[in-house]
Amino acid sequence: MSMGLDDFVSSNTEEDMALKEKAVNEWGVTKHGRPQQEELLKQYQALGVDNDDATTVVNVFAKYKDVLVDEKLTAQQGTPPPDQAREKPWMNGVVTLVSFITFGTAPLLSFVILVPFTDSDMFEFGGACALSALALALLGVAKAKIAGQNPARSVASVLFNGAVSATAAYSLGWILRNVAEHKD
């Protein structure tokens, strides 16, 4: 739930910041229209647009204040204006929550499934690692399909990141356990 809420707050903050930037740009275009147009003209020229073409484009945008403001936002911050953003903060939070619940239960399932059949901690740990790897592989395949990437490369990348994260978490737990044992 914490990660879902964090994703919601983060997305919501990004949206608020984009609205603030848009308001600043609207004020700038309203109060200082010509310098704002010249700034956009210089940005287009820096991208290699011919001076005449850049001037034509900026002059057309200048006729439509909202379009000029949105174009300045895109050119300066490299992000779409807030009203064009497709993200919904609450949806990001829900997707994160469901993902963490779905993929976070994989290591726990092995303990639930294997406990009646074995008393071996190593066997249960191995099962947790195997189910975690399977969940990460499925996540990599889903990521590849959504992003149109090579599935093998995506799975390898997600498995590698998962292995590094798991190693870090396990190592930290081992260190903390040893520190706690020394204090007893």
C-alpha atoms as a PDB file:
ATOM      1  CA  MET A   1       0.000   0.000   0.000  1.00  0.00           C
ATOM      2  CA  SER A   2       2.894   2.294   0.788  1.00  0.00           C
ATOM      3  CA  MET A   3       4.355   1.948  -2.698  1.00  0.00           C
ATOM      4  CA  GLY A   4       0.942   2.509  -4.314  1.00  0.00           C
ATOM      5  CA  LEU A   5       0.377   5.632  -2.227  1.00  0.00           C
ATOM      6  CA  ASP A   6       3.915   6.813  -2.996  1.00  0.00           C
ATOM      7  CA  ASP A   7       3.305   6.395  -6.736  1.00  0.00           C
ATOM      8  CA  PHE A   8       0.012   8.320  -6.433  1.00  0.00           C
ATOM      9  CA  VAL A   9       1.677  11.178  -4.514  1.00  0.00           C
ATOM     10  CA  SER A  10       4.605  11.292  -6.942  1.00  0.00           C
ATOM     11  CA  SER A  11       2.374  11.383 -10.031  1.00  0.00           C
ATOM     12  CA  ASN A  12       0.107  13.951  -8.425  1.00  0.00           C
ATOM     13  CA  THR A  13       3.106  16.149  -7.554  1.00  0.00           C
ATOM     14  CA  GLU A  14       4.409  15.939 -11.124  1.00  0.00           C
ATOM     15  CA  GLU A  15       1.007  17.034 -12.380  1.00  0.00           C
ATOM     16  CA  ASP A  16       0.900  19.937  -9.885  1.00  0.00           C
ATOM     17  CA  MET A  17       4.385  21.039 -10.955  1.00  0.00           C
ATOM     18  CA  ALA A  18       3.367  20.931 -14.630  1.00  0.00           C
ATOM     19  CA  LEU A  19       0.313  23.094 -13.846  1.00  0.00           C
ATOM     20  CA  LYS A  20       2.538  25.573 -12.008  1.00  0.00           C
ATOM     21  CA  GLU A  21       4.997  25.714 -14.919  1.00  0.00           C
ATOM     22  CA  LYS A  22       2.117  26.260 -17.328  1.00  0.00           C
ATOM     23  CA  ALA A  23       0.829  29.153 -15.202  1.00  0.00           C
ATOM     24  CA  VAL A  24       4.312  30.711 -15.161  1.00  0.00           C
ATOM     25  CA  ASN A  25       4.588  30.362 -18.943  1.00  0.00           C
ATOM     26  CA  GLU A  26       1.083  31.811 -19.453  1.00  0.00           C
ATOM     27  CA  TRP A  27       2.059  34.822 -17.369  1.00  0.00           C
ATOM     28  CA  GLY A  28       5.305  35.219 -19.319  1.00  0.00           C
ATOM     29  CA  VAL A  29       3.561  35.021 -22.681  1.00  0.00           C
ATOM     30  CA  THR A  30       0.878  37.493 -21.546  1.00  0.00           C
ATOM     31  CA  LYS A  31       3.277  40.040 -20.024  1.00  0.00           C
ATOM     32  CA  HIS A  32       6.339  39.549 -22.223  1.00  0.00           C
ATOM     33  CA  GLY A  33       5.037  38.047 -25.464  1.00  0.00           C
ATOM     34  CA  ARG A  34       7.768  39.168 -27.854  1.00  0.00           C
ATOM     35  CA  PRO A  35      10.765  38.072 -25.712  1.00  0.00           C
ATOM     36  CA  GLN A  36       9.032  34.734 -25.135  1.00  0.00           C
ATOM     37  CA  GLN A  37       8.603  34.282 -28.887  1.00  0.00           C
ATOM     38  CA  GLU A  38      12.255  35.154 -29.476  1.00  0.00           C
ATOM     39  CA  GLU A  39      13.288  32.591 -26.865  1.00  0.00           C
ATOM     40  CA  LEU A  40      11.275  29.890 -28.637  1.00  0.00           C
ATOM     41  CA  LEU A  41      12.715  31.012 -31.979  1.00  0.00           C
ATOM     42  CA  LYS A  42      16.260  30.566 -30.612  1.00  0.00           C
ATOM     43  CA  GLN A  43      15.387  27.101 -29.334  1.00  0.00           C
ATOM     44  CA  TYR A  44      14.135  26.034 -32.765  1.00  0.00           C
ATOM     45  CA  GLN A  45      17.226  27.475 -34.423  1.00  0.00           C
ATOM     46  CA  ALA A  46      19.426  25.593 -31.954  1.00  0.00           C
ATOM     47  CA  LEU A  47      17.674  22.413 -33.092  1.00  0.00           C
ATOM     48  CA  GLY A  48      18.739  23.217 -36.672  1.00  0.00           C
ATOM     49  CA  VAL A  49      15.480  24.680 -37.983  1.00  0.00           C
ATOM     50  CA  ASP A  50      16.052  27.251 -40.723  1.00  0.00           C
ATOM     51  CA  ASN A  51      15.580  30.864 -39.509  1.00  0.00           C
ATOM     52  CA  ASP A  52      12.701  31.569 -41.929  1.00  0.00           C
ATOM     53  CA  ASP A  53      10.897  28.343 -41.029  1.00  0.00           C
ATOM     54  CA  ALA A  54      11.416  28.880 -37.300  1.00  0.00           C
ATOM     55  CA  THR A  55      10.090  32.430 -37.600  1.00  0.00           C
ATOM     56  CA  THR A  56       7.020  31.214 -39.505  1.00  0.00           C
ATOM     57  CA  VAL A  57       6.275  28.533 -36.925  1.00  0.00           C
ATOM     58  CA  VAL A  58       6.683  30.915 -33.963  1.00  0.00           C
ATOM     59  CA  ASN A  59       4.526  33.571 -35.671  1.00  0.00           C
ATOM     60  CA  VAL A  60       1.742  31.028 -36.222  1.00  0.00           C
ATOM     61  CA  PHE A  61       1.983  29.859 -32.587  1.00  0.00           C
ATOM     62  CA  ALA A  62       1.913  33.492 -31.413  1.00  0.00           C
ATOM     63  CA  LYS A  63      -1.589  33.879 -32.881  1.00  0.00           C
ATOM     64  CA  TYR A  64      -2.810  31.229 -30.434  1.00  0.00           C
ATOM     65  CA  LYS A  65      -1.723  31.970 -26.871  1.00  0.00           C
ATOM     66  CA  ASP A  66      -2.579  28.490 -25.526  1.00  0.00           C
ATOM     67  CA  VAL A  67      -0.645  26.789 -28.321  1.00  0.00           C
ATOM     68  CA  LEU A  68       2.355  29.065 -27.743  1.00  0.00           C
ATOM     69  CA  VAL A  69       2.313  28.349 -23.999  1.00  0.00           C
ATOM     70  CA  ASP A  70       2.075  24.576 -24.598  1.00  0.00           C
ATOM     71  CA  GLU A  71       4.852  24.665 -27.186  1.00  0.00           C
ATOM     72  CA  LYS A  72       7.104  26.621 -24.822  1.00  0.00           C
ATOM     73  CA  LEU A  73       6.463  24.014 -22.102  1.00  0.00           C
ATOM     74  CA  THR A  74       7.343  21.208 -24.461  1.00  0.00           C
ATOM     75  CA  ALA A  75      10.417  22.960 -25.852  1.00  0.00           C
ATOM     76  CA  GLN A  76      11.750  24.110 -22.452  1.00  0.00           C
ATOM     77  CA  GLN A  77      10.893  21.230 -20.123  1.00  0.00           C
ATOM     78  CA  GLY A  78      10.655  18.445 -22.691  1.00  0.00           C
ATOM     79  CA  THR A  79       7.311  17.322 -21.269  1.00  0.00           C
ATOM     80  CA  PRO A  80       3.772  17.584 -22.568  1.00  0.00           C
ATOM     81  CA  PRO A  81       1.556  20.255 -21.041  1.00  0.00           C
ATOM     82  CA  PRO A  82      -0.477  19.079 -18.023  1.00  0.00           C
ATOM     83  CA  ASP A  83      -3.780  18.960 -19.905  1.00  0.00           C
ATOM     84  CA  GLN A  84      -2.206  16.618 -22.468  1.00  0.00           C
ATOM     85  CA  ALA A  85      -0.677  14.278 -19.914  1.00  0.00           C
ATOM     86  CA  ARG A  86      -2.351  10.900 -20.108  1.00  0.00           C
ATOM     87  CA  GLU A  87      -1.435   9.763 -16.630  1.00  0.00           C
ATOM     88  CA  LYS A  88      -3.976   9.573 -13.880  1.00  0.00           C
ATOM     89  CA  PRO A  89      -2.273   9.618 -10.473  1.00  0.00           C
ATOM     90  CA  TRP A  90      -4.863   7.355  -8.851  1.00  0.00           C
ATOM     91  CA  MET A  91      -4.461   4.794 -11.655  1.00  0.00           C
ATOM     92  CA  ASN A  92      -0.674   4.772 -11.203  1.00  0.00           C
ATOM     93  CA  GLY A  93      -1.190   4.100  -7.504  1.00  0.00           C
ATOM     94  CA  VAL A  94      -3.643   1.250  -8.120  1.00  0.00           C
ATOM     95  CA  VAL A  95      -1.393  -0.382 -10.741  1.00  0.00           C
ATOM     96  CA  THR A  96       1.581  -0.172  -8.366  1.00  0.00           C
ATOM     97  CA  LEU A  97      -0.466  -1.624  -5.487  1.00  0.00           C
ATOM     98  CA  VAL A  98      -1.776  -4.533  -7.577  1.00  0.00           C
ATOM     99  CA  SER A  99       1.692  -5.195  -9.022  1.00  0.00           C
ATOM    100  CA  PHE A 100       3.298  -5.298  -5.599  1.00  0.00           C
ATOM    101  CA  ILE A 101       0.600  -7.582  -4.237  1.00  0.00           C
ATOM    102  CA  THR A 102       0.741  -9.895  -7.259  1.00  0.00           C
ATOM    103  CA  PHE A 103       4.500 -10.125  -7.670  1.00  0.00           C
ATOM    104  CA  GLY A 104       5.319  -9.647  -3.993  1.00  0.00           C
ATOM    105  CA  THR A 105       3.369 -12.748  -2.961  1.00  0.00           C
ATOM    106  CA  ALA A 106       5.378 -15.043  -5.250  1.00  0.00           C
ATOM    107  CA  PRO A 107       8.222 -15.669  -2.774  1.00  0.00           C
ATOM    108  CA  LEU A 108       5.723 -16.186   0.056  1.00  0.00           C
ATOM    109  CA  LEU A 109       3.699 -18.738  -1.898  1.00  0.00           C
ATOM    110  CA  SER A 110       6.562 -21.203  -1.897  1.00  0.00           C
ATOM    111  CA  PHE A 111       6.550 -21.268   1.893  1.00  0.00           C
ATOM    112  CA  VAL A 112       2.786 -21.804   1.973  1.00  0.00           C
ATOM    113  CA  ILE A 113       2.969 -24.537  -0.656  1.00  0.00           C
ATOM    114  CA  LEU A 114       6.131 -26.298   0.557  1.00  0.00           C
ATOM    115  CA  VAL A 115       5.697 -26.157   4.359  1.00  0.00           C
ATOM    116  CA  PRO A 116       3.436 -29.246   4.508  1.00  0.00           C
ATOM    117  CA  PHE A 117       5.912 -31.250   2.419  1.00  0.00           C
ATOM    118  CA  THR A 118       9.306 -30.400   3.896  1.00  0.00           C
ATOM    119  CA  ASP A 119      11.071 -29.212   7.014  1.00  0.00           C
ATOM    120  CA  SER A 120      14.107 -28.041   5.059  1.00  0.00           C
ATOM    121  CA  ASP A 121      14.680 -24.305   5.246  1.00  0.00           C
ATOM    122  CA  MET A 122      17.031 -24.526   2.267  1.00  0.00           C
ATOM    123  CA  PHE A 123      14.372 -26.271   0.157  1.00  0.00           C
ATOM    124  CA  GLU A 124      11.802 -23.614   1.105  1.00  0.00           C
ATOM    125  CA  PHE A 125      14.335 -20.866   0.352  1.00  0.00           C
ATOM    126  CA  GLY A 126      15.107 -22.461  -3.023  1.00  0.00           C
ATOM    127  CA  GLY A 127      11.383 -22.600  -3.774  1.00  0.00           C
ATOM    128  CA  ALA A 128      11.040 -18.930  -2.875  1.00  0.00           C
ATOM    129  CA  CYS A 129      13.926 -18.080  -5.208  1.00  0.00           C
ATOM    130  CA  ALA A 130      12.413 -20.170  -8.029  1.00  0.00           C
ATOM    131  CA  LEU A 131       8.949 -18.622  -7.688  1.00  0.00           C
ATOM    132  CA  SER A 132      10.477 -15.142  -7.477  1.00  0.00           C
ATOM    133  CA  ALA A 133      12.462 -15.802 -10.660  1.00  0.00           C
ATOM    134  CA  LEU A 134       9.312 -17.063 -12.390  1.00  0.00           C
ATOM    135  CA  ALA A 135       7.350 -13.965 -11.312  1.00  0.00           C
ATOM    136  CA  LEU A 136      10.182 -11.686 -12.486  1.00  0.00           C
ATOM    137  CA  ALA A 137      10.371 -13.529 -15.812  1.00  0.00           C
ATOM    138  CA  LEU A 138       6.623 -13.047 -16.310  1.00  0.00           C
ATOM    139  CA  LEU A 139       7.042  -9.383 -15.434  1.00  0.00           C
ATOM    140  CA  GLY A 140       9.845  -9.129 -18.021  1.00  0.00           C
ATOM    141  CA  VAL A 141       7.635 -10.711 -20.695  1.00  0.00           C
ATOM    142  CA  ALA A 142       4.792  -8.302 -19.859  1.00  0.00           C
ATOM    143  CA  LYS A 143       7.215  -5.364 -19.981  1.00  0.00           C
ATOM    144  CA  ALA A 144       8.497  -6.501 -23.392  1.00  0.00           C
ATOM    145  CA  LYS A 145       4.977  -6.793 -24.800  1.00  0.00           C
ATOM    146  CA  ILE A 146       3.919  -3.381 -23.493  1.00  0.00           C
ATOM    147  CA  ALA A 147       7.103  -1.610 -24.624  1.00  0.00           C
ATOM    148  CA  GLY A 148       7.544  -3.569 -27.866  1.00  0.00           C
ATOM    149  CA  GLN A 149      10.954  -4.851 -26.774  1.00  0.00           C
ATOM    150  CA  ASN A 150      12.854  -8.076 -27.271  1.00  0.00           C
ATOM    151  CA  PRO A 151      11.329 -10.510 -24.709  1.00  0.00           C
ATOM    152  CA  ALA A 152      14.592 -12.349 -23.973  1.00  0.00           C
ATOM    153  CA  ARG A 153      16.451  -9.108 -23.333  1.00  0.00           C
ATOM    154  CA  SER A 154      13.623  -7.745 -21.185  1.00  0.00           C
ATOM    155  CA  VAL A 155      13.431 -10.929 -19.090  1.00  0.00           C
ATOM    156  CA  ALA A 156      17.212 -10.943 -18.638  1.00  0.00           C
ATOM    157  CA  SER A 157      17.174  -7.292 -17.548  1.00  0.00           C
ATOM    158  CA  VAL A 158      14.335  -7.766 -15.057  1.00  0.00           C
ATOM    159  CA  LEU A 159      15.915 -10.964 -13.662  1.00  0.00           C
ATOM    160  CA  PHE A 160      19.267  -9.214 -13.265  1.00  0.00           C
ATOM    161  CA  ASN A 161      17.693  -6.237 -11.483  1.00  0.00           C
ATOM    162  CA  GLY A 162      15.689  -8.610  -9.279  1.00  0.00           C
ATOM    163  CA  ALA A 163      18.785 -10.636  -8.418  1.00  0.00           C
ATOM    164  CA  VAL A 164      20.734  -7.505  -7.481  1.00  0.00           C
ATOM    165  CA  SER A 165      17.835  -6.223  -5.354  1.00  0.00           C
ATOM    166  CA  ALA A 166      17.312  -9.594  -3.665  1.00  0.00           C
ATOM    167  CA  THR A 167      21.033  -9.943  -2.948  1.00  0.00           C
ATOM    168  CA  ALA A 168      21.112  -6.460  -1.415  1.00  0.00           C
ATOM    169  CA  ALA A 169      18.033  -7.164   0.743  1.00  0.00           C
ATOM    170  CA  TYR A 170      19.295 -10.574   1.845  1.00  0.00           C
ATOM    171  CA  SER A 171      22.750  -9.178   2.640  1.00  0.00           C
ATOM    172  CA  LEU A 172      21.297  -6.334   4.683  1.00  0.00           C
ATOM    173  CA  GLY A 173      19.103  -8.791   6.593  1.00  0.00           C
ATOM    174  CA  TRP A 174      22.103 -11.048   7.256  1.00  0.00           C
ATOM    175  CA  ILE A 175      24.180  -8.094   8.503  1.00  0.00           C
ATOM    176  CA  LEU A 176      21.393  -6.831  10.771  1.00  0.00           C
ATOM    177  CA  ARG A 177      20.803 -10.328  12.165  1.00  0.00           C
ATOM    178  CA  ASN A 178      24.499 -10.670  13.004  1.00  0.00           C
ATOM    179  CA  VAL A 179      24.619  -7.228  14.578  1.00  0.00           C
ATOM    180  CA  ALA A 180      21.578  -8.084  16.728  1.00  0.00           C
ATOM    181  CA  GLU A 181      23.122 -11.402  17.799  1.00  0.00           C
ATOM    182  CA  HIS A 182      26.319  -9.678  18.932  1.00  0.00           C
ATOM    183  CA  LYS A 183      24.362  -7.364  21.238  1.00  0.00           C
ATOM    184  CA  ASP A 184      22.667 -10.253  23.095  1.00  0.00           C
END
